[in-house]
Amino acid sequence: MAPAQPDARPPLTLGTAGHIDHGKTVLIGVLTGRNTDRLPEERSRGISIELGYAPLELPSGRRLSVVDVPGHERFVRTMVAGASGVDMFLLCVAADDGVMPQTREHLAVLRQLGVRAGVVAITKADIGEPELAAEEVAELLPDTPIVPVSATATDRGSIPRPSAAASRIASASR
């Protein structure tokens, strides 16, 4: 099947959201081929400190500009700065943890900014209990697509990527 023609509309901005260590940066790396952690301290500590950016072309041809935000509570101001101007979100919830404090905090920030469209990625689906995490998320975001993913399994194609769900949401956006 031939790839979709690039969409001529301006890119939408997709912002990540979620608790620290729930796989936001790793998932963006798998989807885009780019590590958004560019500072040496981020790479050595294994946590995002600053905003990271990457382009993403969806299967539909629609282009997204991805803003990867830090998940640690000490960096919530940076998260708010990154979420300003976001059109849609990619909320990451780890299957082995479920909804955590920064999950709720990031959702509150998105709501305050008026960001309602998005996709939930239940990360670490190969090592946790994705069904339980999905139920927990569905209570917070009842009409939001939920996709189980795994950074290791996604590379092999055995667990679906959230880009198809993001394509459906992006097609409904401006």
Foldseek 3Di string as FASTA:
>chain_A
DDFAAADPDDAAEEEEFEAWPLCQQLLVCLQAVDRQQDDPVCVVVVWHQAWGWGWGQFSNNHIYIYIYFTRYPVRVVRSLVSLQRHQEYEYGAEQAHAHDDRSVVSVVSCVVNVHQAYAYEHEPVVPHPSVVNVVRVCVVNVPHHYFYDYSVVVVVVPGDRCRVSVVVRVVVPD
